[in-house]
Amino acid sequence: MTTTPLPECGVARFLALLEGPWATLIVRELLHGPHRFTELRQALPRISPHTLTSRLRQFETYGLVTRTAFPEIPPRVEYRLTPLGEGLRPVLETMAEWATSIPDPASTDADADAPPAI
């Protein structure tokens, strides 16, 4: 995998590392502790194996995730956030808090069409 230099701008750098819908969801799952590849696939059922592998490799390249292969039969591999990756916890918590403050237009529209409460 060839690595592309990261942008100097912090926001652009963040987006380059965590671009796409799956990146933050993978990190979200790993914030709960180490996971095996199959556990991540089960937690994110629509992610393709190729995308998950690609993301985990990218995270490993940039020091967000460590990959530990255990010398067992059958082989066991675990992925864990590094301290740098753990630093994303307050970022994701803030994103989640902000997102839940946005009203859902579907429920707002439904409330507007409902008869007035008596």
N, C-alpha and C. Protein backbone atom coordinates (compact mmCIF):
# COMPACT_ATOMS: atom_id res chain seq x y z
N MET A 1 0.84 -1.17 0.00
CA MET A 1 0.00 0.00 0.00
C MET A 1 0.89 1.24 0.00
N THR A 2 0.67 2.11 -0.94
CA THR A 2 1.44 3.34 -0.98
C THR A 2 0.73 4.38 -0.12
N THR A 3 1.52 5.13 0.60
CA THR A 3 0.93 6.15 1.45
C THR A 3 1.03 7.51 0.77
N THR A 4 -0.03 8.24 0.86
CA THR A 4 -0.10 9.58 0.31
C THR A 4 0.25 10.55 1.42
N PRO A 5 1.05 11.56 1.13
CA PRO A 5 1.34 12.54 2.18
C PRO A 5 0.04 13.18 2.68
N LEU A 6 -0.02 13.38 3.97
CA LEU A 6 -1.21 13.98 4.56
C LEU A 6 -1.18 15.49 4.39
N PRO A 7 -2.35 16.11 4.24
CA PRO A 7 -2.40 17.57 4.12
C PRO A 7 -1.88 18.25 5.40
N GLU A 8 -1.45 19.46 5.28
CA GLU A 8 -0.97 20.20 6.45
C GLU A 8 -2.12 20.70 7.31
N CYS A 9 -3.22 21.08 6.70
CA CYS A 9 -4.39 21.58 7.43
C CYS A 9 -4.95 20.45 8.31
N GLY A 10 -5.17 20.75 9.59
CA GLY A 10 -5.65 19.73 10.52
C GLY A 10 -6.98 19.12 10.14
N VAL A 11 -7.93 19.94 9.68
CA VAL A 11 -9.25 19.42 9.29
C VAL A 11 -9.11 18.54 8.05
N ALA A 12 -8.34 18.99 7.08
CA ALA A 12 -8.13 18.19 5.87
C ALA A 12 -7.40 16.89 6.20
N ARG A 13 -6.47 16.95 7.13
CA ARG A 13 -5.74 15.74 7.56
C ARG A 13 -6.71 14.76 8.22
N PHE A 14 -7.57 15.27 9.11
CA PHE A 14 -8.57 14.43 9.77
C PHE A 14 -9.45 13.75 8.73
N LEU A 15 -9.94 14.54 7.77
CA LEU A 15 -10.82 13.98 6.74
C LEU A 15 -10.10 12.99 5.85
N ALA A 16 -8.83 13.19 5.59
CA ALA A 16 -8.06 12.25 4.77
C ALA A 16 -7.92 10.91 5.49
N LEU A 17 -7.73 10.94 6.79
CA LEU A 17 -7.57 9.71 7.56
C LEU A 17 -8.90 9.00 7.83
N LEU A 18 -9.95 9.79 8.02
CA LEU A 18 -11.24 9.21 8.40
C LEU A 18 -12.31 9.46 7.36
N GLU A 19 -11.91 9.52 6.09
CA GLU A 19 -12.89 9.77 5.03
C GLU A 19 -13.75 8.55 4.77
N GLY A 20 -14.95 8.82 4.32
CA GLY A 20 -15.88 7.74 4.02
C GLY A 20 -16.68 7.35 5.25
N PRO A 21 -17.79 6.66 5.03
CA PRO A 21 -18.68 6.34 6.14
C PRO A 21 -18.15 5.27 7.08
N TRP A 22 -17.25 4.42 6.63
CA TRP A 22 -16.85 3.28 7.45
C TRP A 22 -15.76 3.61 8.45
N ALA A 23 -14.92 4.57 8.15
CA ALA A 23 -13.75 4.84 8.99
C ALA A 23 -14.15 5.14 10.44
N THR A 24 -15.05 6.09 10.62
CA THR A 24 -15.43 6.45 11.99
C THR A 24 -16.20 5.32 12.68
N LEU A 25 -16.93 4.53 11.90
CA LEU A 25 -17.67 3.41 12.51
C LEU A 25 -16.72 2.30 12.96
N ILE A 26 -15.65 2.09 12.23
CA ILE A 26 -14.64 1.11 12.65
C ILE A 26 -13.99 1.59 13.94
N VAL A 27 -13.63 2.86 13.99
CA VAL A 27 -13.03 3.42 15.20
C VAL A 27 -14.02 3.31 16.36
N ARG A 28 -15.29 3.62 16.10
CA ARG A 28 -16.32 3.51 17.15
C ARG A 28 -16.32 2.11 17.76
N GLU A 29 -16.26 1.09 16.92
CA GLU A 29 -16.26 -0.29 17.43
C GLU A 29 -15.00 -0.59 18.23
N LEU A 30 -13.86 -0.11 17.74
CA LEU A 30 -12.60 -0.38 18.43
C LEU A 30 -12.46 0.39 19.73
N LEU A 31 -13.27 1.44 19.91
CA LEU A 31 -13.26 2.16 21.18
C LEU A 31 -13.77 1.29 22.32
N HIS A 32 -14.47 0.21 21.99
CA HIS A 32 -14.98 -0.72 23.01
C HIS A 32 -13.93 -1.76 23.40
N GLY A 33 -12.78 -1.74 22.74
CA GLY A 33 -11.72 -2.71 23.04
C GLY A 33 -11.30 -3.45 21.79
N PRO A 34 -10.33 -4.35 21.93
CA PRO A 34 -9.82 -5.07 20.75
C PRO A 34 -10.89 -5.94 20.12
N HIS A 35 -10.80 -6.04 18.80
CA HIS A 35 -11.75 -6.86 18.03
C HIS A 35 -10.99 -7.69 17.01
N ARG A 36 -11.54 -8.84 16.74
CA ARG A 36 -11.06 -9.64 15.63
C ARG A 36 -11.77 -9.16 14.37
N PHE A 37 -11.19 -9.52 13.22
CA PHE A 37 -11.74 -9.10 11.94
C PHE A 37 -13.22 -9.49 11.82
N THR A 38 -13.53 -10.74 12.17
CA THR A 38 -14.91 -11.22 12.04
C THR A 38 -15.85 -10.48 12.99
N GLU A 39 -15.36 -10.08 14.15
CA GLU A 39 -16.20 -9.32 15.08
C GLU A 39 -16.53 -7.94 14.50
N LEU A 40 -15.54 -7.34 13.84
CA LEU A 40 -15.80 -6.04 13.20
C LEU A 40 -16.79 -6.21 12.06
N ARG A 41 -16.65 -7.27 11.29
CA ARG A 41 -17.61 -7.52 10.19
C ARG A 41 -19.02 -7.72 10.72
N GLN A 42 -19.15 -8.41 11.85
CA GLN A 42 -20.48 -8.63 12.43
C GLN A 42 -21.07 -7.32 12.97
N ALA A 43 -20.22 -6.47 13.52
CA ALA A 43 -20.70 -5.20 14.06
C ALA A 43 -21.07 -4.22 12.95
N LEU A 44 -20.47 -4.40 11.78
CA LEU A 44 -20.71 -3.53 10.62
C LEU A 44 -21.14 -4.40 9.44
N PRO A 45 -22.34 -4.95 9.46
CA PRO A 45 -22.74 -6.00 8.52
C PRO A 45 -22.69 -5.62 7.04
N ARG A 46 -22.77 -4.34 6.70
CA ARG A 46 -22.78 -3.99 5.27
C ARG A 46 -21.39 -3.66 4.72
N ILE A 47 -20.36 -3.69 5.58
CA ILE A 47 -19.01 -3.38 5.11
C ILE A 47 -18.45 -4.58 4.36
N SER A 48 -17.76 -4.32 3.26
CA SER A 48 -17.15 -5.42 2.50
C SER A 48 -15.82 -5.80 3.16
N PRO A 49 -15.41 -7.06 3.02
CA PRO A 49 -14.11 -7.46 3.58
C PRO A 49 -12.97 -6.61 3.02
N HIS A 50 -13.06 -6.27 1.73
CA HIS A 50 -12.01 -5.45 1.11
C HIS A 50 -11.91 -4.08 1.77
N THR A 51 -13.04 -3.44 1.99
CA THR A 51 -13.06 -2.11 2.61
C THR A 51 -12.53 -2.18 4.04
N LEU A 52 -12.97 -3.17 4.80
CA LEU A 52 -12.52 -3.31 6.18
C LEU A 52 -11.01 -3.54 6.22
N THR A 53 -10.52 -4.42 5.39
CA THR A 53 -9.08 -4.69 5.34
C THR A 53 -8.30 -3.45 4.97
N SER A 54 -8.79 -2.74 3.96
CA SER A 54 -8.12 -1.52 3.51
C SER A 54 -8.06 -0.48 4.62
N ARG A 55 -9.17 -0.28 5.30
CA ARG A 55 -9.22 0.70 6.38
C ARG A 55 -8.29 0.33 7.53
N LEU A 56 -8.34 -0.93 7.93
CA LEU A 56 -7.49 -1.36 9.03
C LEU A 56 -6.01 -1.20 8.67
N ARG A 57 -5.65 -1.52 7.45
CA ARG A 57 -4.25 -1.33 7.01
C ARG A 57 -3.87 0.14 7.03
N GLN A 58 -4.78 1.00 6.55
CA GLN A 58 -4.50 2.44 6.56
C GLN A 58 -4.33 2.94 8.00
N PHE A 59 -5.21 2.52 8.87
CA PHE A 59 -5.11 2.94 10.27
C PHE A 59 -3.81 2.45 10.90
N GLU A 60 -3.40 1.24 10.53
CA GLU A 60 -2.15 0.69 11.05
C GLU A 60 -0.96 1.51 10.52
N THR A 61 -1.00 1.85 9.25
CA THR A 61 0.08 2.63 8.63
C THR A 61 0.27 3.96 9.33
N TYR A 62 -0.82 4.61 9.70
CA TYR A 62 -0.74 5.93 10.32
C TYR A 62 -0.71 5.87 11.85
N GLY A 63 -0.62 4.68 12.41
CA GLY A 63 -0.44 4.55 13.85
C GLY A 63 -1.69 4.68 14.69
N LEU A 64 -2.86 4.49 14.08
CA LEU A 64 -4.10 4.58 14.84
C LEU A 64 -4.50 3.22 15.43
N VAL A 65 -4.05 2.15 14.79
CA VAL A 65 -4.44 0.79 15.16
C VAL A 65 -3.21 -0.11 15.18
N THR A 66 -3.19 -1.04 16.11
CA THR A 66 -2.17 -2.09 16.08
C THR A 66 -2.85 -3.40 15.71
N ARG A 67 -2.11 -4.21 15.02
CA ARG A 67 -2.58 -5.54 14.61
C ARG A 67 -1.69 -6.55 15.31
N THR A 68 -2.30 -7.44 16.09
CA THR A 68 -1.55 -8.46 16.81
C THR A 68 -1.98 -9.83 16.33
N ALA A 69 -1.02 -10.58 15.79
CA ALA A 69 -1.28 -11.96 15.35
C ALA A 69 -0.78 -12.90 16.44
N PHE A 70 -1.65 -13.74 16.93
CA PHE A 70 -1.29 -14.69 17.98
C PHE A 70 -0.90 -16.02 17.34
N PRO A 71 0.20 -16.62 17.79
CA PRO A 71 0.67 -17.88 17.20
C PRO A 71 -0.16 -19.07 17.71
N GLU A 72 -1.38 -19.13 17.23
CA GLU A 72 -2.30 -20.20 17.64
C GLU A 72 -2.83 -20.89 16.40
N ILE A 73 -3.44 -22.04 16.64
CA ILE A 73 -4.13 -22.74 15.55
C ILE A 73 -5.56 -22.91 16.00
N PRO A 74 -6.52 -22.37 15.28
CA PRO A 74 -6.38 -21.50 14.11
C PRO A 74 -5.80 -20.14 14.49
N PRO A 75 -5.19 -19.46 13.52
CA PRO A 75 -4.58 -18.16 13.82
C PRO A 75 -5.62 -17.16 14.31
N ARG A 76 -5.20 -16.31 15.23
CA ARG A 76 -6.07 -15.28 15.76
C ARG A 76 -5.37 -13.93 15.60
N VAL A 77 -6.10 -12.97 15.05
CA VAL A 77 -5.57 -11.62 14.86
C VAL A 77 -6.53 -10.65 15.53
N GLU A 78 -5.97 -9.73 16.30
CA GLU A 78 -6.79 -8.72 16.96
C GLU A 78 -6.33 -7.33 16.54
N TYR A 79 -7.29 -6.44 16.45
CA TYR A 79 -7.02 -5.04 16.14
C TYR A 79 -7.40 -4.22 17.36
N ARG A 80 -6.52 -3.27 17.70
CA ARG A 80 -6.71 -2.45 18.90
C ARG A 80 -6.28 -1.03 18.57
N LEU A 81 -6.99 -0.07 19.13
CA LEU A 81 -6.60 1.32 18.95
C LEU A 81 -5.32 1.59 19.74
N THR A 82 -4.44 2.36 19.16
CA THR A 82 -3.26 2.85 19.86
C THR A 82 -3.68 4.05 20.71
N PRO A 83 -2.79 4.57 21.54
CA PRO A 83 -3.14 5.80 22.26
C PRO A 83 -3.52 6.94 21.31
N LEU A 84 -2.88 7.01 20.15
CA LEU A 84 -3.24 8.01 19.15
C LEU A 84 -4.68 7.79 18.67
N GLY A 85 -5.03 6.53 18.39
CA GLY A 85 -6.39 6.20 17.98
C GLY A 85 -7.40 6.46 19.09
N GLU A 86 -7.00 6.17 20.34
CA GLU A 86 -7.89 6.44 21.48
C GLU A 86 -8.19 7.93 21.61
N GLY A 87 -7.29 8.76 21.09
CA GLY A 87 -7.50 10.19 21.12
C GLY A 87 -8.72 10.63 20.33
N LEU A 88 -9.25 9.73 19.50
CA LEU A 88 -10.46 10.04 18.74
C LEU A 88 -11.74 9.93 19.57
N ARG A 89 -11.63 9.36 20.76
CA ARG A 89 -12.82 9.18 21.61
C ARG A 89 -13.57 10.49 21.85
N PRO A 90 -12.91 11.54 22.35
CA PRO A 90 -13.67 12.78 22.58
C PRO A 90 -14.19 13.39 21.29
N VAL A 91 -13.49 13.18 20.19
CA VAL A 91 -13.95 13.71 18.90
C VAL A 91 -15.26 13.03 18.51
N LEU A 92 -15.30 11.70 18.59
CA LEU A 92 -16.51 10.96 18.21
C LEU A 92 -17.65 11.22 19.19
N GLU A 93 -17.33 11.36 20.47
CA GLU A 93 -18.37 11.66 21.45
C GLU A 93 -18.99 13.04 21.16
N THR A 94 -18.15 14.00 20.81
CA THR A 94 -18.65 15.34 20.48
C THR A 94 -19.47 15.30 19.19
N MET A 95 -19.02 14.54 18.21
CA MET A 95 -19.79 14.40 16.96
C MET A 95 -21.16 13.79 17.25
N ALA A 96 -21.20 12.75 18.08
CA ALA A 96 -22.47 12.09 18.40
C ALA A 96 -23.40 13.04 19.15
N GLU A 97 -22.84 13.79 20.09
CA GLU A 97 -23.66 14.73 20.86
C GLU A 97 -24.24 15.81 19.93
N TRP A 98 -23.41 16.34 19.06
CA TRP A 98 -23.87 17.36 18.13
C TRP A 98 -24.96 16.80 17.21
N ALA A 99 -24.72 15.60 16.67
CA ALA A 99 -25.66 15.01 15.72
C ALA A 99 -27.02 14.74 16.34
N THR A 100 -27.04 14.34 17.60
CA THR A 100 -28.33 14.06 18.24
C THR A 100 -29.10 15.34 18.56
N SER A 101 -28.45 16.50 18.48
CA SER A 101 -29.16 17.77 18.72
C SER A 101 -29.90 18.26 17.47
N ILE A 102 -29.65 17.63 16.34
CA ILE A 102 -30.31 18.04 15.09
C ILE A 102 -31.69 17.41 15.04
N PRO A 103 -32.73 18.21 14.86
CA PRO A 103 -34.08 17.63 14.79
C PRO A 103 -34.24 16.77 13.54
N ASP A 104 -35.01 15.72 13.67
CA ASP A 104 -35.28 14.83 12.55
C ASP A 104 -36.43 15.41 11.74
N PRO A 105 -36.19 15.82 10.48
CA PRO A 105 -37.26 16.43 9.68
C PRO A 105 -38.45 15.51 9.51
N ALA A 106 -38.21 14.22 9.45
CA ALA A 106 -39.32 13.28 9.27
C ALA A 106 -40.26 13.33 10.46
N SER A 107 -39.71 13.38 11.68
CA SER A 107 -40.59 13.42 12.85
C SER A 107 -41.20 14.80 13.03
N THR A 108 -40.50 15.84 12.61
CA THR A 108 -41.04 17.20 12.70
C THR A 108 -42.21 17.36 11.74
N ASP A 109 -42.06 16.85 10.50
CA ASP A 109 -43.15 16.91 9.52
C ASP A 109 -44.36 16.13 10.00
N ALA A 110 -44.13 14.97 10.59
CA ALA A 110 -45.23 14.14 11.06
C ALA A 110 -45.96 14.86 12.20
N ASP A 111 -45.20 15.55 13.08
CA ASP A 111 -45.81 16.27 14.17
C ASP A 111 -46.67 17.44 13.64
N ALA A 112 -46.21 18.06 12.57
CA ALA A 112 -46.96 19.19 12.01
C ALA A 112 -48.29 18.73 11.41
N ASP A 113 -48.34 17.52 10.87
CA ASP A 113 -49.56 17.00 10.25
C ASP A 113 -50.51 16.38 11.26
N ALA A 114 -50.03 16.15 12.47
CA ALA A 114 -50.86 15.51 13.48
C ALA A 114 -51.90 16.50 14.00
N PRO A 115 -53.05 15.98 14.40
CA PRO A 115 -54.07 16.87 14.97
C PRO A 115 -53.55 17.46 16.27
N PRO A 116 -54.01 18.62 16.63
CA PRO A 116 -53.55 19.24 17.87
C PRO A 116 -53.93 18.38 19.07
N ALA A 117 -53.05 18.38 20.06
CA ALA A 117 -53.31 17.62 21.27
C ALA A 117 -54.38 18.33 22.08
N ILE A 118 -55.22 17.55 22.73
CA ILE A 118 -56.30 18.13 23.52
C ILE A 118 -55.94 18.10 24.97
